[in-house]
Amino acid sequence: MVKQTYAARFTRIGGSAAVIIPKPVREELGLIDKDLMLMRVFGKVLILRRVSANDVIDVNAVPTDAIPSAVR
């Protein structure tokens, strides 16, 4: 487990924004490009967690034609 404290930058990318996550933290969390991230704010604390699409929606409970084939 990562036990150091890291600083990250908040940056604007066009009309969007991003937070740069240091490589040791990305590796520890197993993050890869385009991972789905779940976020929750408690006061001024941001909790961030990687989730899979199956964690968010049960695709078996949704009509087949409602989900693009690229998601399956």
PDB file of N, CA and C in Angstrom:
ATOM      1  N   MET A   1       0.838  -1.184   0.000  1.00  0.00           N
ATOM      2  CA  MET A   1       0.000   0.000   0.000  1.00  0.00           C
ATOM      3  C   MET A   1       0.883   1.247   0.000  1.00  0.00           C
ATOM      4  N   VAL A   2       0.475   2.239  -0.781  1.00  0.00           N
ATOM      5  CA  VAL A   2       1.193   3.507  -0.838  1.00  0.00           C
ATOM      6  C   VAL A   2       1.065   4.193   0.510  1.00  0.00           C
ATOM      7  N   LYS A   3       2.193   4.593   1.091  1.00  0.00           N
ATOM      8  CA  LYS A   3       2.155   5.210   2.421  1.00  0.00           C
ATOM      9  C   LYS A   3       2.709   6.623   2.428  1.00  0.00           C
ATOM     10  N   GLN A   4       3.036   7.147   1.238  1.00  0.00           N
ATOM     11  CA  GLN A   4       3.540   8.504   1.158  1.00  0.00           C
ATOM     12  C   GLN A   4       2.397   9.471   0.912  1.00  0.00           C
ATOM     13  N   THR A   5       2.687  10.756   1.079  1.00  0.00           N
ATOM     14  CA  THR A   5       1.730  11.797   0.749  1.00  0.00           C
ATOM     15  C   THR A   5       2.153  12.416  -0.565  1.00  0.00           C
ATOM     16  N   TYR A   6       1.224  12.561  -1.489  1.00  0.00           N
ATOM     17  CA  TYR A   6       1.513  13.112  -2.806  1.00  0.00           C
ATOM     18  C   TYR A   6       0.718  14.383  -3.015  1.00  0.00           C
ATOM     19  N   ALA A   7       1.234  15.259  -3.838  1.00  0.00           N
ATOM     20  CA  ALA A   7       0.513  16.457  -4.259  1.00  0.00           C
ATOM     21  C   ALA A   7       0.133  16.254  -5.719  1.00  0.00           C
ATOM     22  N   ALA A   8      -1.009  16.747  -6.112  1.00  0.00           N
ATOM     23  CA  ALA A   8      -1.463  16.624  -7.491  1.00  0.00           C
ATOM     24  C   ALA A   8      -1.924  17.984  -7.977  1.00  0.00           C
ATOM     25  N   ARG A   9      -1.958  18.134  -9.281  1.00  0.00           N
ATOM     26  CA  ARG A   9      -2.413  19.382  -9.887  1.00  0.00           C
ATOM     27  C   ARG A   9      -3.811  19.217 -10.473  1.00  0.00           C
ATOM     28  N   PHE A  10      -4.594  20.271 -10.339  1.00  0.00           N
ATOM     29  CA  PHE A  10      -5.890  20.391 -10.992  1.00  0.00           C
ATOM     30  C   PHE A  10      -5.636  21.182 -12.260  1.00  0.00           C
ATOM     31  N   THR A  11      -6.103  20.690 -13.397  1.00  0.00           N
ATOM     32  CA  THR A  11      -5.842  21.385 -14.657  1.00  0.00           C
ATOM     33  C   THR A  11      -7.090  21.411 -15.524  1.00  0.00           C
ATOM     34  N   ARG A  12      -7.196  22.436 -16.336  1.00  0.00           N
ATOM     35  CA  ARG A  12      -8.317  22.557 -17.267  1.00  0.00           C
ATOM     36  C   ARG A  12      -7.913  21.966 -18.611  1.00  0.00           C
ATOM     37  N   ILE A  13      -8.810  21.215 -19.215  1.00  0.00           N
ATOM     38  CA  ILE A  13      -8.579  20.638 -20.535  1.00  0.00           C
ATOM     39  C   ILE A  13      -9.805  20.987 -21.364  1.00  0.00           C
ATOM     40  N   GLY A  14      -9.717  22.053 -22.139  1.00  0.00           N
ATOM     41  CA  GLY A  14     -10.889  22.540 -22.879  1.00  0.00           C
ATOM     42  C   GLY A  14     -11.962  22.953 -21.890  1.00  0.00           C
ATOM     43  N   GLY A  15     -13.162  22.437 -22.055  1.00  0.00           N
ATOM     44  CA  GLY A  15     -14.252  22.744 -21.139  1.00  0.00           C
ATOM     45  C   GLY A  15     -14.318  21.807 -19.953  1.00  0.00           C
ATOM     46  N   SER A  16     -13.398  20.833 -19.914  1.00  0.00           N
ATOM     47  CA  SER A  16     -13.364  19.857 -18.823  1.00  0.00           C
ATOM     48  C   SER A  16     -12.227  20.171 -17.867  1.00  0.00           C
ATOM     49  N   ALA A  17     -12.102  19.364 -16.839  1.00  0.00           N
ATOM     50  CA  ALA A  17     -11.023  19.530 -15.867  1.00  0.00           C
ATOM     51  C   ALA A  17     -10.501  18.159 -15.488  1.00  0.00           C
ATOM     52  N   ALA A  18      -9.279  18.115 -14.976  1.00  0.00           N
ATOM     53  CA  ALA A  18      -8.662  16.851 -14.587  1.00  0.00           C
ATOM     54  C   ALA A  18      -7.788  17.062 -13.365  1.00  0.00           C
ATOM     55  N   VAL A  19      -7.607  15.995 -12.610  1.00  0.00           N
ATOM     56  CA  VAL A  19      -6.648  15.975 -11.514  1.00  0.00           C
ATOM     57  C   VAL A  19      -5.600  14.946 -11.899  1.00  0.00           C
ATOM     58  N   ILE A  20      -4.345  15.333 -11.854  1.00  0.00           N
ATOM     59  CA  ILE A  20      -3.260  14.438 -12.214  1.00  0.00           C
ATOM     60  C   ILE A  20      -2.967  13.531 -11.018  1.00  0.00           C
ATOM     61  N   ILE A  21      -3.090  12.220 -11.219  1.00  0.00           N
ATOM     62  CA  ILE A  21      -2.843  11.252 -10.151  1.00  0.00           C
ATOM     63  C   ILE A  21      -1.426  10.706 -10.328  1.00  0.00           C
ATOM     64  N   PRO A  22      -0.576  10.812  -9.312  1.00  0.00           N
ATOM     65  CA  PRO A  22       0.807  10.332  -9.433  1.00  0.00           C
ATOM     66  C   PRO A  22       0.873   8.844  -9.789  1.00  0.00           C
ATOM     67  N   LYS A  23       1.892   8.470 -10.553  1.00  0.00           N
ATOM     68  CA  LYS A  23       2.042   7.101 -11.044  1.00  0.00           C
ATOM     69  C   LYS A  23       2.002   6.047  -9.936  1.00  0.00           C
ATOM     70  N   PRO A  24       2.699   6.223  -8.784  1.00  0.00           N
ATOM     71  CA  PRO A  24       2.626   5.184  -7.740  1.00  0.00           C
ATOM     72  C   PRO A  24       1.199   4.958  -7.227  1.00  0.00           C
ATOM     73  N   VAL A  25       0.405   6.013  -7.176  1.00  0.00           N
ATOM     74  CA  VAL A  25      -0.983   5.889  -6.723  1.00  0.00           C
ATOM     75  C   VAL A  25      -1.803   5.169  -7.787  1.00  0.00           C
ATOM     76  N   ARG A  26      -1.632   5.545  -9.069  1.00  0.00           N
ATOM     77  CA  ARG A  26      -2.337   4.861 -10.161  1.00  0.00           C
ATOM     78  C   ARG A  26      -2.028   3.379 -10.167  1.00  0.00           C
ATOM     79  N   GLU A  27      -0.761   3.043  -9.993  1.00  0.00           N
ATOM     80  CA  GLU A  27      -0.366   1.633  -9.987  1.00  0.00           C
ATOM     81  C   GLU A  27      -0.965   0.887  -8.804  1.00  0.00           C
ATOM     82  N   GLU A  28      -0.957   1.512  -7.636  1.00  0.00           N
ATOM     83  CA  GLU A  28      -1.519   0.873  -6.435  1.00  0.00           C
ATOM     84  C   GLU A  28      -3.011   0.593  -6.604  1.00  0.00           C
ATOM     85  N   LEU A  29      -3.719   1.525  -7.248  1.00  0.00           N
ATOM     86  CA  LEU A  29      -5.158   1.368  -7.450  1.00  0.00           C
ATOM     87  C   LEU A  29      -5.489   0.543  -8.688  1.00  0.00           C
ATOM     88  N   GLY A  30      -4.484   0.232  -9.492  1.00  0.00           N
ATOM     89  CA  GLY A  30      -4.713  -0.547 -10.705  1.00  0.00           C
ATOM     90  C   GLY A  30      -5.471   0.223 -11.772  1.00  0.00           C
ATOM     91  N   LEU A  31      -5.291   1.544 -11.813  1.00  0.00           N
ATOM     92  CA  LEU A  31      -6.016   2.371 -12.775  1.00  0.00           C
ATOM     93  C   LEU A  31      -5.414   2.260 -14.168  1.00  0.00           C
ATOM     94  N   ILE A  32      -6.289   2.213 -15.161  1.00  0.00           N
ATOM     95  CA  ILE A  32      -5.851   2.277 -16.547  1.00  0.00           C
ATOM     96  C   ILE A  32      -6.682   3.339 -17.256  1.00  0.00           C
ATOM     97  N   ASP A  33      -6.220   3.758 -18.422  1.00  0.00           N
ATOM     98  CA  ASP A  33      -6.886   4.806 -19.185  1.00  0.00           C
ATOM     99  C   ASP A  33      -8.357   4.470 -19.409  1.00  0.00           C
ATOM    100  N   LYS A  34      -9.208   5.442 -19.194  1.00  0.00           N
ATOM    101  CA  LYS A  34     -10.667   5.350 -19.390  1.00  0.00           C
ATOM    102  C   LYS A  34     -11.397   4.565 -18.304  1.00  0.00           C
ATOM    103  N   ASP A  35     -10.736   4.251 -17.185  1.00  0.00           N
ATOM    104  CA  ASP A  35     -11.438   3.598 -16.070  1.00  0.00           C
ATOM    105  C   ASP A  35     -12.572   4.487 -15.583  1.00  0.00           C
ATOM    106  N   LEU A  36     -13.644   3.870 -15.158  1.00  0.00           N
ATOM    107  CA  LEU A  36     -14.780   4.583 -14.598  1.00  0.00           C
ATOM    108  C   LEU A  36     -14.491   4.875 -13.129  1.00  0.00           C
ATOM    109  N   MET A  37     -14.630   6.134 -12.723  1.00  0.00           N
ATOM    110  CA  MET A  37     -14.323   6.542 -11.360  1.00  0.00           C
ATOM    111  C   MET A  37     -15.604   7.041 -10.683  1.00  0.00           C
ATOM    112  N   LEU A  38     -15.835   6.579  -9.486  1.00  0.00           N
ATOM    113  CA  LEU A  38     -16.966   7.001  -8.678  1.00  0.00           C
ATOM    114  C   LEU A  38     -16.447   8.024  -7.678  1.00  0.00           C
ATOM    115  N   MET A  39     -17.120   9.171  -7.576  1.00  0.00           N
ATOM    116  CA  MET A  39     -16.656  10.235  -6.680  1.00  0.00           C
ATOM    117  C   MET A  39     -17.762  10.653  -5.727  1.00  0.00           C
ATOM    118  N   ARG A  40     -17.351  11.000  -4.524  1.00  0.00           N
ATOM    119  CA  ARG A  40     -18.281  11.515  -3.523  1.00  0.00           C
ATOM    120  C   ARG A  40     -17.554  12.571  -2.712  1.00  0.00           C
ATOM    121  N   VAL A  41     -18.236  13.644  -2.402  1.00  0.00           N
ATOM    122  CA  VAL A  41     -17.630  14.745  -1.660  1.00  0.00           C
ATOM    123  C   VAL A  41     -18.225  14.788  -0.258  1.00  0.00           C
ATOM    124  N   PHE A  42     -17.346  14.828   0.742  1.00  0.00           N
ATOM    125  CA  PHE A  42     -17.727  14.996   2.140  1.00  0.00           C
ATOM    126  C   PHE A  42     -17.083  16.276   2.624  1.00  0.00           C
ATOM    127  N   GLY A  43     -17.851  17.368   2.676  1.00  0.00           N
ATOM    128  CA  GLY A  43     -17.264  18.656   3.025  1.00  0.00           C
ATOM    129  C   GLY A  43     -16.243  19.035   1.967  1.00  0.00           C
ATOM    130  N   LYS A  44     -14.973  19.155   2.360  1.00  0.00           N
ATOM    131  CA  LYS A  44     -13.905  19.478   1.411  1.00  0.00           C
ATOM    132  C   LYS A  44     -13.037  18.266   1.105  1.00  0.00           C
ATOM    133  N   VAL A  45     -13.544  17.065   1.400  1.00  0.00           N
ATOM    134  CA  VAL A  45     -12.802  15.824   1.143  1.00  0.00           C
ATOM    135  C   VAL A  45     -13.457  15.103  -0.038  1.00  0.00           C
ATOM    136  N   LEU A  46     -12.641  14.744  -1.033  1.00  0.00           N
ATOM    137  CA  LEU A  46     -13.116  14.013  -2.191  1.00  0.00           C
ATOM    138  C   LEU A  46     -12.711  12.554  -2.051  1.00  0.00           C
ATOM    139  N   ILE A  47     -13.672  11.657  -2.126  1.00  0.00           N
ATOM    140  CA  ILE A  47     -13.418  10.225  -2.110  1.00  0.00           C
ATOM    141  C   ILE A  47     -13.557   9.742  -3.548  1.00  0.00           C
ATOM    142  N   LEU A  48     -12.539   9.058  -4.048  1.00  0.00           N
ATOM    143  CA  LEU A  48     -12.506   8.595  -5.426  1.00  0.00           C
ATOM    144  C   LEU A  48     -12.254   7.099  -5.443  1.00  0.00           C
ATOM    145  N   ARG A  49     -13.026   6.379  -6.250  1.00  0.00           N
ATOM    146  CA  ARG A  49     -12.903   4.925  -6.288  1.00  0.00           C
ATOM    147  C   ARG A  49     -13.120   4.414  -7.705  1.00  0.00           C
ATOM    148  N   ARG A  50     -12.297   3.473  -8.128  1.00  0.00           N
ATOM    149  CA  ARG A  50     -12.462   2.861  -9.442  1.00  0.00           C
ATOM    150  C   ARG A  50     -13.575   1.830  -9.337  1.00  0.00           C
ATOM    151  N   VAL A  51     -14.470   1.844 -10.327  1.00  0.00           N
ATOM    152  CA  VAL A  51     -15.552   0.871 -10.368  1.00  0.00           C
ATOM    153  C   VAL A  51     -15.673   0.318 -11.788  1.00  0.00           C
ATOM    154  N   SER A  52     -16.245  -0.851 -11.902  1.00  0.00           N
ATOM    155  CA  SER A  52     -16.531  -1.392 -13.227  1.00  0.00           C
ATOM    156  C   SER A  52     -17.978  -1.054 -13.567  1.00  0.00           C
ATOM    157  N   ALA A  53     -18.317  -1.158 -14.831  1.00  0.00           N
ATOM    158  CA  ALA A  53     -19.695  -0.882 -15.248  1.00  0.00           C
ATOM    159  C   ALA A  53     -20.673  -1.814 -14.539  1.00  0.00           C
ATOM    160  N   ASN A  54     -20.249  -3.039 -14.235  1.00  0.00           N
ATOM    161  CA  ASN A  54     -21.124  -3.986 -13.541  1.00  0.00           C
ATOM    162  C   ASN A  54     -21.405  -3.566 -12.104  1.00  0.00           C
ATOM    163  N   ASP A  55     -20.507  -2.771 -11.509  1.00  0.00           N
ATOM    164  CA  ASP A  55     -20.739  -2.266 -10.157  1.00  0.00           C
ATOM    165  C   ASP A  55     -21.835  -1.217 -10.143  1.00  0.00           C
ATOM    166  N   VAL A  56     -22.042  -0.551 -11.257  1.00  0.00           N
ATOM    167  CA  VAL A  56     -22.976   0.568 -11.324  1.00  0.00           C
ATOM    168  C   VAL A  56     -24.352   0.140 -11.822  1.00  0.00           C
ATOM    169  N   ILE A  57     -24.375  -0.764 -12.784  1.00  0.00           N
ATOM    170  CA  ILE A  57     -25.649  -1.167 -13.365  1.00  0.00           C
ATOM    171  C   ILE A  57     -25.641  -2.670 -13.635  1.00  0.00           C
ATOM    172  N   ASP A  58     -26.727  -3.292 -13.364  1.00  0.00           N
ATOM    173  CA  ASP A  58     -26.879  -4.706 -13.694  1.00  0.00           C
ATOM    174  C   ASP A  58     -27.416  -4.768 -15.127  1.00  0.00           C
ATOM    175  N   VAL A  59     -26.542  -5.056 -16.094  1.00  0.00           N
ATOM    176  CA  VAL A  59     -26.961  -5.032 -17.487  1.00  0.00           C
ATOM    177  C   VAL A  59     -28.040  -6.063 -17.782  1.00  0.00           C
ATOM    178  N   ASN A  60     -28.166  -7.086 -16.981  1.00  0.00           N
ATOM    179  CA  ASN A  60     -29.199  -8.096 -17.201  1.00  0.00           C
ATOM    180  C   ASN A  60     -30.593  -7.576 -16.862  1.00  0.00           C
ATOM    181  N   ALA A  61     -30.676  -6.502 -16.084  1.00  0.00           N
ATOM    182  CA  ALA A  61     -31.964  -5.953 -15.692  1.00  0.00           C
ATOM    183  C   ALA A  61     -32.443  -4.866 -16.653  1.00  0.00           C
ATOM    184  N   VAL A  62     -31.619  -4.557 -17.665  1.00  0.00           N
ATOM    185  CA  VAL A  62     -31.945  -3.507 -18.625  1.00  0.00           C
ATOM    186  C   VAL A  62     -32.287  -4.159 -19.963  1.00  0.00           C
ATOM    187  N   PRO A  63     -33.315  -3.666 -20.647  1.00  0.00           N
ATOM    188  CA  PRO A  63     -33.632  -4.224 -21.961  1.00  0.00           C
ATOM    189  C   PRO A  63     -32.423  -4.173 -22.888  1.00  0.00           C
ATOM    190  N   THR A  64     -32.200  -5.220 -23.664  1.00  0.00           N
ATOM    191  CA  THR A  64     -31.031  -5.334 -24.520  1.00  0.00           C
ATOM    192  C   THR A  64     -30.844  -4.143 -25.441  1.00  0.00           C
ATOM    193  N   ASP A  65     -31.918  -3.624 -26.000  1.00  0.00           N
ATOM    194  CA  ASP A  65     -31.804  -2.518 -26.961  1.00  0.00           C
ATOM    195  C   ASP A  65     -31.506  -1.173 -26.286  1.00  0.00           C
ATOM    196  N   ALA A  66     -31.495  -1.116 -24.966  1.00  0.00           N
ATOM    197  CA  ALA A  66     -31.236   0.141 -24.257  1.00  0.00           C
ATOM    198  C   ALA A  66     -29.752   0.417 -24.057  1.00  0.00           C
ATOM    199  N   ILE A  67     -28.921  -0.609 -24.198  1.00  0.00           N
ATOM    200  CA  ILE A  67     -27.473  -0.454 -23.977  1.00  0.00           C
ATOM    201  C   ILE A  67     -26.747  -0.712 -25.297  1.00  0.00           C
ATOM    202  N   PRO A  68     -25.941   0.280 -25.741  1.00  0.00           N
ATOM    203  CA  PRO A  68     -25.182   0.060 -26.984  1.00  0.00           C
ATOM    204  C   PRO A  68     -24.306  -1.180 -26.877  1.00  0.00           C
ATOM    205  N   SER A  69     -24.113  -1.867 -28.002  1.00  0.00           N
ATOM    206  CA  SER A  69     -23.331  -3.102 -27.994  1.00  0.00           C
ATOM    207  C   SER A  69     -21.898  -2.859 -27.542  1.00  0.00           C
ATOM    208  N   ALA A  70     -21.363  -1.640 -27.723  1.00  0.00           N
ATOM    209  CA  ALA A  70     -19.990  -1.336 -27.319  1.00  0.00           C
ATOM    210  C   ALA A  70     -19.818  -1.417 -25.801  1.00  0.00           C
ATOM    211  N   VAL A  71     -20.897  -1.266 -25.047  1.00  0.00           N
ATOM    212  CA  VAL A  71     -20.817  -1.305 -23.588  1.00  0.00           C
ATOM    213  C   VAL A  71     -20.747  -2.745 -23.096  1.00  0.00           C
ATOM    214  N   ARG A  72     -21.353  -3.670 -23.798  1.00  0.00           N
ATOM    215  CA  ARG A  72     -21.415  -5.063 -23.365  1.00  0.00           C
ATOM    216  C   ARG A  72     -20.118  -5.785 -23.510  1.00  0.00           C
TER     217      ARG A  72
END
